[in-house]
Amino acid sequence: MKRFTALILLLCLLLPGSSAVAEEALPEQLALSPGESKSFALPFEGYWESDAPEIAEGEGNIITAHEAGYAILALVSPDGKEWLVEVEVSDDPVPPIIRDAINIAIAEWEEVGEKRLPQDPKGNKYTKWWKYACGWCGAFVSYCLDQAGVPLEPTDTYRKVKPHDGGIPYSLREAAVPKLYTGFENMERLTKIPQPGYLIIFGAKGYYAYVHVGMVTDVIDLGNGMYQVYTVEGNIGGSTVKRFCFLYNANAEKLEQNMSYLPESEWLEPDTYYYEGPRQTKSDGKKYNWYVTTFCQTWY
């Protein structure tokens, strides 16, 4: 009878729809907001120490943030083993290292000044960083993340990359848009909801789902799934760097219809952003309207 009961309990844990949910493994880096708590599966039993308990502390399997700042927590086992967790607590949900990447991308736009850049590494710092001539929209966003210090998965590991616990800032050193898509898909970091610092992948209706990539710099939530999205993008509009603003509908019935454009009366910074659309890819004498394929979560 006892063996039967144990078997039933095990099946309850394993069956789909069971309320049992595997806890996330304890990360080495963690970003929290003030007042936020998260529970984790611990690598071993022990007690917690914090160098700034007024900012963040641990108890049992729970880490709690109190106020903005930076703290190092140590899980200590009875035999002296330690597991360190760097906890960053911020009122701004965007990690500072991602803010740095956004600011670097904007600074690149200011420096380039929409000057046309060659595809080859001569005269183009982004392809020089990449070390090859390429359509450099992916190299541009990867360069900006790299310059900010965001950890990048090595080139051509996009097929094997695994999910990272804790939503820590992370990306890939890639220039090709499909490789970026595949890498973020394998990391389980694709989303319909935009956030500053996310990569935005565009498709062209009837043409290709991965025609271009840029970086989101700001987002205004308009409600009901509508967002006003601001981006900075390389290798666009004549092989240069530009900034854009448009409307995005996360609840669009058809993916290919999720982009729209602000009326001219709402163009508040026309010297900074391109507002009008539709944005298009031209090929074989045809024009293919763009849409948002997905957003890549460089953090969450």
C-alpha atoms as a PDB file:
ATOM      1  CA  MET A   1       0.000   0.000   0.000  1.00  0.00           C
ATOM      2  CA  LYS A   2       2.808   2.395   0.911  1.00  0.00           C
ATOM      3  CA  ARG A   3       4.561   1.700  -2.391  1.00  0.00           C
ATOM      4  CA  PHE A   4       1.302   2.327  -4.271  1.00  0.00           C
ATOM      5  CA  THR A   5       0.755   5.641  -2.444  1.00  0.00           C
ATOM      6  CA  ALA A   6       4.324   6.744  -3.191  1.00  0.00           C
ATOM      7  CA  LEU A   7       3.814   5.913  -6.867  1.00  0.00           C
ATOM      8  CA  ILE A   8       0.628   7.984  -7.006  1.00  0.00           C
ATOM      9  CA  LEU A   9       2.435  10.956  -5.430  1.00  0.00           C
ATOM     10  CA  LEU A  10       5.269  10.659  -7.951  1.00  0.00           C
ATOM     11  CA  LEU A  11       2.807  10.603 -10.851  1.00  0.00           C
ATOM     12  CA  CYS A  12       1.102  13.708  -9.514  1.00  0.00           C
ATOM     13  CA  LEU A  13       4.435  15.509  -9.576  1.00  0.00           C
ATOM     14  CA  LEU A  14       5.270  14.414 -13.119  1.00  0.00           C
ATOM     15  CA  LEU A  15       1.927  14.668 -14.889  1.00  0.00           C
ATOM     16  CA  PRO A  16       1.268  17.785 -17.059  1.00  0.00           C
ATOM     17  CA  GLY A  17      -0.815  20.323 -15.216  1.00  0.00           C
ATOM     18  CA  SER A  18       0.634  19.376 -11.862  1.00  0.00           C
ATOM     19  CA  SER A  19       1.051  22.292  -9.483  1.00  0.00           C
ATOM     20  CA  ALA A  20       4.661  21.283  -8.777  1.00  0.00           C
ATOM     21  CA  VAL A  21       7.015  23.701 -10.568  1.00  0.00           C
ATOM     22  CA  ALA A  22      10.767  23.278 -10.658  1.00  0.00           C
ATOM     23  CA  GLU A  23      12.474  26.239  -9.029  1.00  0.00           C
ATOM     24  CA  GLU A  24      15.040  28.255 -10.928  1.00  0.00           C
ATOM     25  CA  ALA A  25      18.638  27.418 -10.034  1.00  0.00           C
ATOM     26  CA  LEU A  26      20.439  29.937  -7.832  1.00  0.00           C
ATOM     27  CA  PRO A  27      22.278  32.355 -10.178  1.00  0.00           C
ATOM     28  CA  GLU A  28      25.558  34.178  -9.633  1.00  0.00           C
ATOM     29  CA  GLN A  29      24.066  37.507 -10.732  1.00  0.00           C
ATOM     30  CA  LEU A  30      20.592  38.790 -10.005  1.00  0.00           C
ATOM     31  CA  ALA A  31      18.699  41.995 -10.765  1.00  0.00           C
ATOM     32  CA  LEU A  32      15.753  42.881  -8.510  1.00  0.00           C
ATOM     33  CA  SER A  33      13.497  45.833  -7.793  1.00  0.00           C
ATOM     34  CA  PRO A  34      13.043  47.246  -4.262  1.00  0.00           C
ATOM     35  CA  GLY A  35      10.635  45.051  -2.307  1.00  0.00           C
ATOM     36  CA  GLU A  36      10.945  42.130  -4.734  1.00  0.00           C
ATOM     37  CA  SER A  37      11.616  38.573  -3.531  1.00  0.00           C
ATOM     38  CA  LYS A  38      12.567  35.488  -5.551  1.00  0.00           C
ATOM     39  CA  SER A  39      12.954  31.859  -4.533  1.00  0.00           C
ATOM     40  CA  PHE A  40      15.570  29.506  -5.947  1.00  0.00           C
ATOM     41  CA  ALA A  41      16.714  25.909  -5.863  1.00  0.00           C
ATOM     42  CA  LEU A  42      19.848  26.050  -3.708  1.00  0.00           C
ATOM     43  CA  PRO A  43      23.053  24.200  -4.666  1.00  0.00           C
ATOM     44  CA  PHE A  44      23.436  23.170  -1.013  1.00  0.00           C
ATOM     45  CA  GLU A  45      21.960  23.853   2.420  1.00  0.00           C
ATOM     46  CA  GLY A  46      23.467  26.679   4.423  1.00  0.00           C
ATOM     47  CA  TYR A  47      23.020  30.145   5.883  1.00  0.00           C
ATOM     48  CA  TRP A  48      23.194  33.557   4.231  1.00  0.00           C
ATOM     49  CA  GLU A  49      25.564  36.462   4.750  1.00  0.00           C
ATOM     50  CA  SER A  50      25.197  39.871   3.067  1.00  0.00           C
ATOM     51  CA  ASP A  51      27.703  42.723   2.861  1.00  0.00           C
ATOM     52  CA  ALA A  52      24.761  45.161   2.621  1.00  0.00           C
ATOM     53  CA  PRO A  53      21.689  43.670   4.349  1.00  0.00           C
ATOM     54  CA  GLU A  54      19.880  46.994   4.072  1.00  0.00           C
ATOM     55  CA  ILE A  55      19.954  46.489   0.270  1.00  0.00           C
ATOM     56  CA  ALA A  56      19.410  42.729  -0.093  1.00  0.00           C
ATOM     57  CA  GLU A  57      19.547  39.603   2.039  1.00  0.00           C
ATOM     58  CA  GLY A  58      18.751  35.917   1.886  1.00  0.00           C
ATOM     59  CA  GLU A  59      16.763  33.613   4.109  1.00  0.00           C
ATOM     60  CA  GLY A  60      16.145  29.949   3.343  1.00  0.00           C
ATOM     61  CA  ASN A  61      15.759  29.715  -0.421  1.00  0.00           C
ATOM     62  CA  ILE A  62      14.507  33.308  -0.826  1.00  0.00           C
ATOM     63  CA  ILE A  63      16.459  36.456  -1.746  1.00  0.00           C
ATOM     64  CA  THR A  64      14.751  39.746  -0.900  1.00  0.00           C
ATOM     65  CA  ALA A  65      15.633  43.238  -2.144  1.00  0.00           C
ATOM     66  CA  HIS A  66      14.975  46.208   0.141  1.00  0.00           C
ATOM     67  CA  GLU A  67      16.334  49.359  -1.477  1.00  0.00           C
ATOM     68  CA  ALA A  68      18.314  50.474  -4.504  1.00  0.00           C
ATOM     69  CA  GLY A  69      21.997  49.560  -4.435  1.00  0.00           C
ATOM     70  CA  TYR A  70      24.425  46.699  -4.830  1.00  0.00           C
ATOM     71  CA  ALA A  71      25.030  43.768  -2.459  1.00  0.00           C
ATOM     72  CA  ILE A  72      27.007  40.549  -2.461  1.00  0.00           C
ATOM     73  CA  LEU A  73      25.254  37.656  -0.770  1.00  0.00           C
ATOM     74  CA  ALA A  74      27.065  34.493   0.272  1.00  0.00           C
ATOM     75  CA  LEU A  75      25.331  31.165   0.833  1.00  0.00           C
ATOM     76  CA  VAL A  76      27.629  29.347   3.289  1.00  0.00           C
ATOM     77  CA  SER A  77      27.431  25.620   3.999  1.00  0.00           C
ATOM     78  CA  PRO A  78      28.322  24.083   7.398  1.00  0.00           C
ATOM     79  CA  ASP A  79      31.573  22.741   5.914  1.00  0.00           C
ATOM     80  CA  GLY A  80      32.579  26.184   4.613  1.00  0.00           C
ATOM     81  CA  LYS A  81      31.535  26.055   0.944  1.00  0.00           C
ATOM     82  CA  GLU A  82      30.352  29.397  -0.476  1.00  0.00           C
ATOM     83  CA  TRP A  83      28.105  30.402  -3.333  1.00  0.00           C
ATOM     84  CA  LEU A  84      28.250  34.140  -4.106  1.00  0.00           C
ATOM     85  CA  VAL A  85      25.339  36.044  -5.635  1.00  0.00           C
ATOM     86  CA  GLU A  86      25.821  39.594  -6.900  1.00  0.00           C
ATOM     87  CA  VAL A  87      22.503  41.379  -6.384  1.00  0.00           C
ATOM     88  CA  GLU A  88      21.727  44.662  -8.094  1.00  0.00           C
ATOM     89  CA  VAL A  89      18.625  46.456  -6.804  1.00  0.00           C
ATOM     90  CA  SER A  90      17.310  49.268  -8.963  1.00  0.00           C
ATOM     91  CA  ASP A  91      14.142  51.320  -9.384  1.00  0.00           C
ATOM     92  CA  ASP A  92      14.935  51.254 -13.108  1.00  0.00           C
ATOM     93  CA  PRO A  93      14.067  47.763 -14.338  1.00  0.00           C
ATOM     94  CA  VAL A  94      16.696  48.050 -17.069  1.00  0.00           C
ATOM     95  CA  PRO A  95      20.096  46.817 -15.811  1.00  0.00           C
ATOM     96  CA  PRO A  96      22.780  49.561 -15.842  1.00  0.00           C
ATOM     97  CA  ILE A  97      24.989  47.574 -18.229  1.00  0.00           C
ATOM     98  CA  ILE A  98      22.110  47.483 -20.716  1.00  0.00           C
ATOM     99  CA  ARG A  99      21.552  51.230 -20.238  1.00  0.00           C
ATOM    100  CA  ASP A 100      25.231  51.643 -21.091  1.00  0.00           C
ATOM    101  CA  ALA A 101      24.720  49.668 -24.309  1.00  0.00           C
ATOM    102  CA  ILE A 102      21.761  51.885 -25.255  1.00  0.00           C
ATOM    103  CA  ASN A 103      23.789  55.029 -24.580  1.00  0.00           C
ATOM    104  CA  ILE A 104      26.696  53.666 -26.637  1.00  0.00           C
ATOM    105  CA  ALA A 105      24.370  52.934 -29.561  1.00  0.00           C
ATOM    106  CA  ILE A 106      22.968  56.476 -29.402  1.00  0.00           C
ATOM    107  CA  ALA A 107      26.503  57.892 -29.190  1.00  0.00           C
ATOM    108  CA  GLU A 108      27.389  55.896 -32.324  1.00  0.00           C
ATOM    109  CA  TRP A 109      24.438  57.497 -34.114  1.00  0.00           C
ATOM    110  CA  GLU A 110      25.655  60.914 -33.015  1.00  0.00           C
ATOM    111  CA  GLU A 111      29.189  60.140 -34.209  1.00  0.00           C
ATOM    112  CA  VAL A 112      28.250  58.660 -37.576  1.00  0.00           C
ATOM    113  CA  GLY A 113      25.776  61.446 -38.257  1.00  0.00           C
ATOM    114  CA  GLU A 114      24.081  59.308 -40.922  1.00  0.00           C
ATOM    115  CA  LYS A 115      27.288  59.171 -42.953  1.00  0.00           C
ATOM    116  CA  ARG A 116      27.270  56.268 -45.411  1.00  0.00           C
ATOM    117  CA  LEU A 117      29.667  53.523 -44.324  1.00  0.00           C
ATOM    118  CA  PRO A 118      31.243  50.818 -46.477  1.00  0.00           C
ATOM    119  CA  GLN A 119      30.384  47.158 -45.967  1.00  0.00           C
ATOM    120  CA  ASP A 120      34.040  46.116 -45.671  1.00  0.00           C
ATOM    121  CA  PRO A 121      36.157  46.684 -42.517  1.00  0.00           C
ATOM    122  CA  LYS A 122      37.967  49.681 -44.028  1.00  0.00           C
ATOM    123  CA  GLY A 123      36.194  52.774 -42.775  1.00  0.00           C
ATOM    124  CA  ASN A 124      33.533  50.870 -40.845  1.00  0.00           C
ATOM    125  CA  LYS A 125      34.313  50.217 -37.158  1.00  0.00           C
ATOM    126  CA  TYR A 126      31.476  47.691 -36.833  1.00  0.00           C
ATOM    127  CA  THR A 127      32.668  45.395 -39.630  1.00  0.00           C
ATOM    128  CA  LYS A 128      36.240  45.976 -38.449  1.00  0.00           C
ATOM    129  CA  TRP A 129      35.193  44.742 -34.993  1.00  0.00           C
ATOM    130  CA  TRP A 130      33.447  41.803 -36.690  1.00  0.00           C
ATOM    131  CA  LYS A 131      36.560  41.286 -38.885  1.00  0.00           C
ATOM    132  CA  TYR A 132      34.564  40.618 -42.046  1.00  0.00           C
ATOM    133  CA  ALA A 133      32.570  42.532 -44.629  1.00  0.00           C
ATOM    134  CA  CYS A 134      28.876  41.963 -43.999  1.00  0.00           C
ATOM    135  CA  GLY A 135      25.430  43.450 -43.874  1.00  0.00           C
ATOM    136  CA  TRP A 136      26.319  45.034 -40.580  1.00  0.00           C
ATOM    137  CA  CYS A 137      23.035  45.644 -38.724  1.00  0.00           C
ATOM    138  CA  GLY A 138      23.756  42.647 -36.468  1.00  0.00           C
ATOM    139  CA  ALA A 139      27.406  43.619 -36.069  1.00  0.00           C
ATOM    140  CA  PHE A 140      26.281  47.109 -34.985  1.00  0.00           C
ATOM    141  CA  VAL A 141      24.063  45.926 -32.105  1.00  0.00           C
ATOM    142  CA  SER A 142      26.592  43.253 -31.057  1.00  0.00           C
ATOM    143  CA  TYR A 143      29.362  45.871 -31.070  1.00  0.00           C
ATOM    144  CA  CYS A 144      27.361  48.207 -28.812  1.00  0.00           C
ATOM    145  CA  LEU A 145      26.564  45.410 -26.352  1.00  0.00           C
ATOM    146  CA  ASP A 146      30.211  44.322 -26.350  1.00  0.00           C
ATOM    147  CA  GLN A 147      31.491  47.851 -25.734  1.00  0.00           C
ATOM    148  CA  ALA A 148      29.153  48.111 -22.731  1.00  0.00           C
ATOM    149  CA  GLY A 149      30.580  44.888 -21.305  1.00  0.00           C
ATOM    150  CA  VAL A 150      27.506  42.716 -21.811  1.00  0.00           C
ATOM    151  CA  PRO A 151      28.652  39.061 -21.888  1.00  0.00           C
ATOM    152  CA  LEU A 152      28.406  37.684 -25.434  1.00  0.00           C
ATOM    153  CA  GLU A 153      28.159  34.061 -26.457  1.00  0.00           C
ATOM    154  CA  PRO A 154      31.098  33.331 -28.814  1.00  0.00           C
ATOM    155  CA  THR A 155      30.538  33.479 -32.556  1.00  0.00           C
ATOM    156  CA  ASP A 156      28.892  30.446 -34.170  1.00  0.00           C
ATOM    157  CA  THR A 157      27.752  28.877 -30.894  1.00  0.00           C
ATOM    158  CA  TYR A 158      24.177  30.045 -31.485  1.00  0.00           C
ATOM    159  CA  ARG A 159      22.932  26.485 -32.182  1.00  0.00           C
ATOM    160  CA  LYS A 160      24.213  25.137 -28.851  1.00  0.00           C
ATOM    161  CA  VAL A 161      23.624  28.039 -26.452  1.00  0.00           C
ATOM    162  CA  LYS A 162      21.479  27.215 -23.403  1.00  0.00           C
ATOM    163  CA  PRO A 163      19.071  29.278 -21.276  1.00  0.00           C
ATOM    164  CA  HIS A 164      20.648  31.477 -18.589  1.00  0.00           C
ATOM    165  CA  ASP A 165      19.097  31.676 -15.136  1.00  0.00           C
ATOM    166  CA  GLY A 166      18.145  34.919 -13.456  1.00  0.00           C
ATOM    167  CA  GLY A 167      17.552  36.995 -16.590  1.00  0.00           C
ATOM    168  CA  ILE A 168      21.098  38.349 -16.426  1.00  0.00           C
ATOM    169  CA  PRO A 169      22.287  40.577 -19.302  1.00  0.00           C
ATOM    170  CA  TYR A 170      23.487  38.323 -22.090  1.00  0.00           C
ATOM    171  CA  SER A 171      23.658  38.223 -25.880  1.00  0.00           C
ATOM    172  CA  LEU A 172      25.561  36.683 -28.784  1.00  0.00           C
ATOM    173  CA  ARG A 173      28.523  37.843 -30.820  1.00  0.00           C
ATOM    174  CA  GLU A 174      26.789  37.524 -34.167  1.00  0.00           C
ATOM    175  CA  ALA A 175      26.219  39.653 -37.249  1.00  0.00           C
ATOM    176  CA  ALA A 176      23.672  37.524 -39.141  1.00  0.00           C
ATOM    177  CA  VAL A 177      20.054  38.166 -38.149  1.00  0.00           C
ATOM    178  CA  PRO A 178      18.921  34.503 -38.456  1.00  0.00           C
ATOM    179  CA  LYS A 179      21.772  33.419 -36.178  1.00  0.00           C
ATOM    180  CA  LEU A 180      20.751  36.006 -33.577  1.00  0.00           C
ATOM    181  CA  TYR A 181      17.184  34.749 -33.797  1.00  0.00           C
ATOM    182  CA  THR A 182      18.214  31.093 -33.386  1.00  0.00           C
ATOM    183  CA  GLY A 183      20.543  31.886 -30.495  1.00  0.00           C
ATOM    184  CA  PHE A 184      17.918  33.822 -28.558  1.00  0.00           C
ATOM    185  CA  GLU A 185      15.347  31.144 -29.343  1.00  0.00           C
ATOM    186  CA  ASN A 186      17.659  28.512 -27.850  1.00  0.00           C
ATOM    187  CA  MET A 187      18.216  30.723 -24.811  1.00  0.00           C
ATOM    188  CA  GLU A 188      14.403  30.956 -24.499  1.00  0.00           C
ATOM    189  CA  ARG A 189      14.661  34.746 -24.750  1.00  0.00           C
ATOM    190  CA  LEU A 190      12.179  35.668 -27.479  1.00  0.00           C
ATOM    191  CA  THR A 191       9.161  37.802 -26.598  1.00  0.00           C
ATOM    192  CA  LYS A 192       6.345  39.863 -28.082  1.00  0.00           C
ATOM    193  CA  ILE A 193       6.750  42.584 -25.441  1.00  0.00           C
ATOM    194  CA  PRO A 194       9.379  45.307 -26.077  1.00  0.00           C
ATOM    195  CA  GLN A 195      11.739  46.677 -23.435  1.00  0.00           C
ATOM    196  CA  PRO A 196      14.677  49.117 -23.658  1.00  0.00           C
ATOM    197  CA  GLY A 197      17.860  47.297 -24.638  1.00  0.00           C
ATOM    198  CA  TYR A 198      16.078  44.417 -26.361  1.00  0.00           C
ATOM    199  CA  LEU A 199      17.055  43.600 -29.922  1.00  0.00           C
ATOM    200  CA  ILE A 200      14.236  43.968 -32.425  1.00  0.00           C
ATOM    201  CA  ILE A 201      14.124  41.682 -35.447  1.00  0.00           C
ATOM    202  CA  PHE A 202      12.145  42.802 -38.483  1.00  0.00           C
ATOM    203  CA  GLY A 203      10.642  40.699 -41.252  1.00  0.00           C
ATOM    204  CA  ALA A 204       9.242  41.683 -44.643  1.00  0.00           C
ATOM    205  CA  LYS A 205       5.817  40.342 -45.603  1.00  0.00           C
ATOM    206  CA  GLY A 206       6.056  37.842 -48.436  1.00  0.00           C
ATOM    207  CA  TYR A 207       9.841  38.065 -48.479  1.00  0.00           C
ATOM    208  CA  TYR A 208      11.785  36.978 -45.356  1.00  0.00           C
ATOM    209  CA  ALA A 209      11.219  36.904 -41.588  1.00  0.00           C
ATOM    210  CA  TYR A 210      14.750  38.036 -40.634  1.00  0.00           C
ATOM    211  CA  VAL A 211      15.640  41.009 -42.838  1.00  0.00           C
ATOM    212  CA  HIS A 212      17.060  43.391 -40.217  1.00  0.00           C
ATOM    213  CA  VAL A 213      17.878  43.890 -36.530  1.00  0.00           C
ATOM    214  CA  GLY A 214      18.141  47.005 -34.358  1.00  0.00           C
ATOM    215  CA  MET A 215      18.157  47.958 -30.679  1.00  0.00           C
ATOM    216  CA  VAL A 216      15.178  49.285 -28.734  1.00  0.00           C
ATOM    217  CA  THR A 217      16.130  52.489 -26.902  1.00  0.00           C
ATOM    218  CA  ASP A 218      12.802  53.384 -25.290  1.00  0.00           C
ATOM    219  CA  VAL A 219       9.243  52.098 -25.024  1.00  0.00           C
ATOM    220  CA  ILE A 220       5.965  53.818 -24.144  1.00  0.00           C
ATOM    221  CA  ASP A 221       3.189  51.434 -23.098  1.00  0.00           C
ATOM    222  CA  LEU A 222      -0.024  52.842 -24.609  1.00  0.00           C
ATOM    223  CA  GLY A 223      -2.216  50.085 -23.168  1.00  0.00           C
ATOM    224  CA  ASN A 224      -4.155  47.197 -24.730  1.00  0.00           C
ATOM    225  CA  GLY A 225      -1.005  45.741 -26.263  1.00  0.00           C
ATOM    226  CA  MET A 226      -0.023  48.936 -28.108  1.00  0.00           C
ATOM    227  CA  TYR A 227       3.489  50.354 -27.715  1.00  0.00           C
ATOM    228  CA  GLN A 228       5.349  53.339 -29.059  1.00  0.00           C
ATOM    229  CA  VAL A 229       8.802  51.928 -29.829  1.00  0.00           C
ATOM    230  CA  TYR A 230      12.039  53.876 -30.306  1.00  0.00           C
ATOM    231  CA  THR A 231      15.060  52.244 -31.932  1.00  0.00           C
ATOM    232  CA  VAL A 232      18.599  52.868 -33.114  1.00  0.00           C
ATOM    233  CA  GLU A 233      19.713  50.792 -36.104  1.00  0.00           C
ATOM    234  CA  GLY A 234      22.838  50.276 -38.174  1.00  0.00           C
ATOM    235  CA  ASN A 235      23.177  49.428 -41.882  1.00  0.00           C
ATOM    236  CA  ILE A 236      19.891  51.098 -42.684  1.00  0.00           C
ATOM    237  CA  GLY A 237      18.773  53.682 -45.211  1.00  0.00           C
ATOM    238  CA  GLY A 238      21.932  53.728 -47.308  1.00  0.00           C
ATOM    239  CA  SER A 239      24.331  51.845 -45.018  1.00  0.00           C
ATOM    240  CA  THR A 240      24.298  54.289 -42.117  1.00  0.00           C
ATOM    241  CA  VAL A 241      22.958  54.621 -38.540  1.00  0.00           C
ATOM    242  CA  LYS A 242      19.478  56.011 -37.930  1.00  0.00           C
ATOM    243  CA  ARG A 243      16.872  56.271 -35.181  1.00  0.00           C
ATOM    244  CA  PHE A 244      13.202  55.404 -35.640  1.00  0.00           C
ATOM    245  CA  CYS A 245       9.883  55.724 -33.819  1.00  0.00           C
ATOM    246  CA  PHE A 246       6.767  53.743 -34.703  1.00  0.00           C
ATOM    247  CA  LEU A 247       3.730  52.008 -33.224  1.00  0.00           C
ATOM    248  CA  TYR A 248       3.701  48.291 -32.482  1.00  0.00           C
ATOM    249  CA  ASN A 249       0.678  46.132 -31.686  1.00  0.00           C
ATOM    250  CA  ALA A 250       1.587  43.040 -29.649  1.00  0.00           C
ATOM    251  CA  ASN A 251      -1.997  41.772 -30.042  1.00  0.00           C
ATOM    252  CA  ALA A 252      -2.247  42.105 -33.809  1.00  0.00           C
ATOM    253  CA  GLU A 253      -4.299  39.270 -35.331  1.00  0.00           C
ATOM    254  CA  LYS A 254      -1.683  38.848 -38.057  1.00  0.00           C
ATOM    255  CA  LEU A 255       2.031  39.192 -37.343  1.00  0.00           C
ATOM    256  CA  GLU A 256       2.560  40.991 -40.646  1.00  0.00           C
ATOM    257  CA  GLN A 257       0.202  43.781 -39.551  1.00  0.00           C
ATOM    258  CA  ASN A 258       1.788  44.667 -36.188  1.00  0.00           C
ATOM    259  CA  MET A 259       3.565  47.882 -37.288  1.00  0.00           C
ATOM    260  CA  SER A 260       1.925  51.267 -37.894  1.00  0.00           C
ATOM    261  CA  TYR A 261       3.127  54.848 -37.936  1.00  0.00           C
ATOM    262  CA  LEU A 262       2.526  58.066 -36.050  1.00  0.00           C
ATOM    263  CA  PRO A 263       0.582  60.870 -37.764  1.00  0.00           C
ATOM    264  CA  GLU A 264       2.744  63.864 -38.661  1.00  0.00           C
ATOM    265  CA  SER A 265       1.076  65.940 -35.929  1.00  0.00           C
ATOM    266  CA  GLU A 266       2.797  63.674 -33.362  1.00  0.00           C
ATOM    267  CA  TRP A 267       6.320  63.931 -34.767  1.00  0.00           C
ATOM    268  CA  LEU A 268       7.857  65.655 -31.756  1.00  0.00           C
ATOM    269  CA  GLU A 269      11.557  65.177 -32.644  1.00  0.00           C
ATOM    270  CA  PRO A 270      11.813  65.015 -36.439  1.00  0.00           C
ATOM    271  CA  ASP A 271      15.522  65.887 -36.347  1.00  0.00           C
ATOM    272  CA  THR A 272      16.194  62.760 -34.300  1.00  0.00           C
ATOM    273  CA  TYR A 273      13.705  60.105 -35.378  1.00  0.00           C
ATOM    274  CA  TYR A 274      12.230  58.847 -38.609  1.00  0.00           C
ATOM    275  CA  TYR A 275       8.496  58.525 -38.038  1.00  0.00           C
ATOM    276  CA  GLU A 276       6.873  57.847 -41.369  1.00  0.00           C
ATOM    277  CA  GLY A 277       6.351  54.507 -43.051  1.00  0.00           C
ATOM    278  CA  PRO A 278       5.822  51.916 -44.242  1.00  0.00           C
ATOM    279  CA  ARG A 279       9.374  50.629 -43.999  1.00  0.00           C
ATOM    280  CA  GLN A 280      10.128  48.317 -46.881  1.00  0.00           C
ATOM    281  CA  THR A 281      12.566  45.930 -48.510  1.00  0.00           C
ATOM    282  CA  LYS A 282      12.956  46.349 -52.261  1.00  0.00           C
ATOM    283  CA  SER A 283      13.865  43.301 -54.336  1.00  0.00           C
ATOM    284  CA  ASP A 284      13.343  42.321 -57.975  1.00  0.00           C
ATOM    285  CA  GLY A 285      11.314  45.453 -58.594  1.00  0.00           C
ATOM    286  CA  LYS A 286       8.918  44.695 -55.732  1.00  0.00           C
ATOM    287  CA  LYS A 287       8.402  46.334 -52.339  1.00  0.00           C
ATOM    288  CA  TYR A 288       7.804  44.229 -49.220  1.00  0.00           C
ATOM    289  CA  ASN A 289       6.407  45.942 -46.119  1.00  0.00           C
ATOM    290  CA  TRP A 290       8.132  45.322 -42.817  1.00  0.00           C
ATOM    291  CA  TYR A 291       6.717  43.956 -39.585  1.00  0.00           C
ATOM    292  CA  VAL A 292       8.179  43.040 -36.180  1.00  0.00           C
ATOM    293  CA  THR A 293       9.179  39.365 -36.127  1.00  0.00           C
ATOM    294  CA  THR A 294      10.167  39.308 -32.438  1.00  0.00           C
ATOM    295  CA  PHE A 295      12.115  40.986 -29.651  1.00  0.00           C
ATOM    296  CA  CYS A 296      15.263  39.373 -28.246  1.00  0.00           C
ATOM    297  CA  GLN A 297      15.583  39.650 -24.471  1.00  0.00           C
ATOM    298  CA  THR A 298      19.097  40.835 -23.671  1.00  0.00           C
ATOM    299  CA  TRP A 299      17.800  40.884 -20.064  1.00  0.00           C
ATOM    300  CA  TYR A 300      14.548  40.158 -18.250  1.00  0.00           C
END
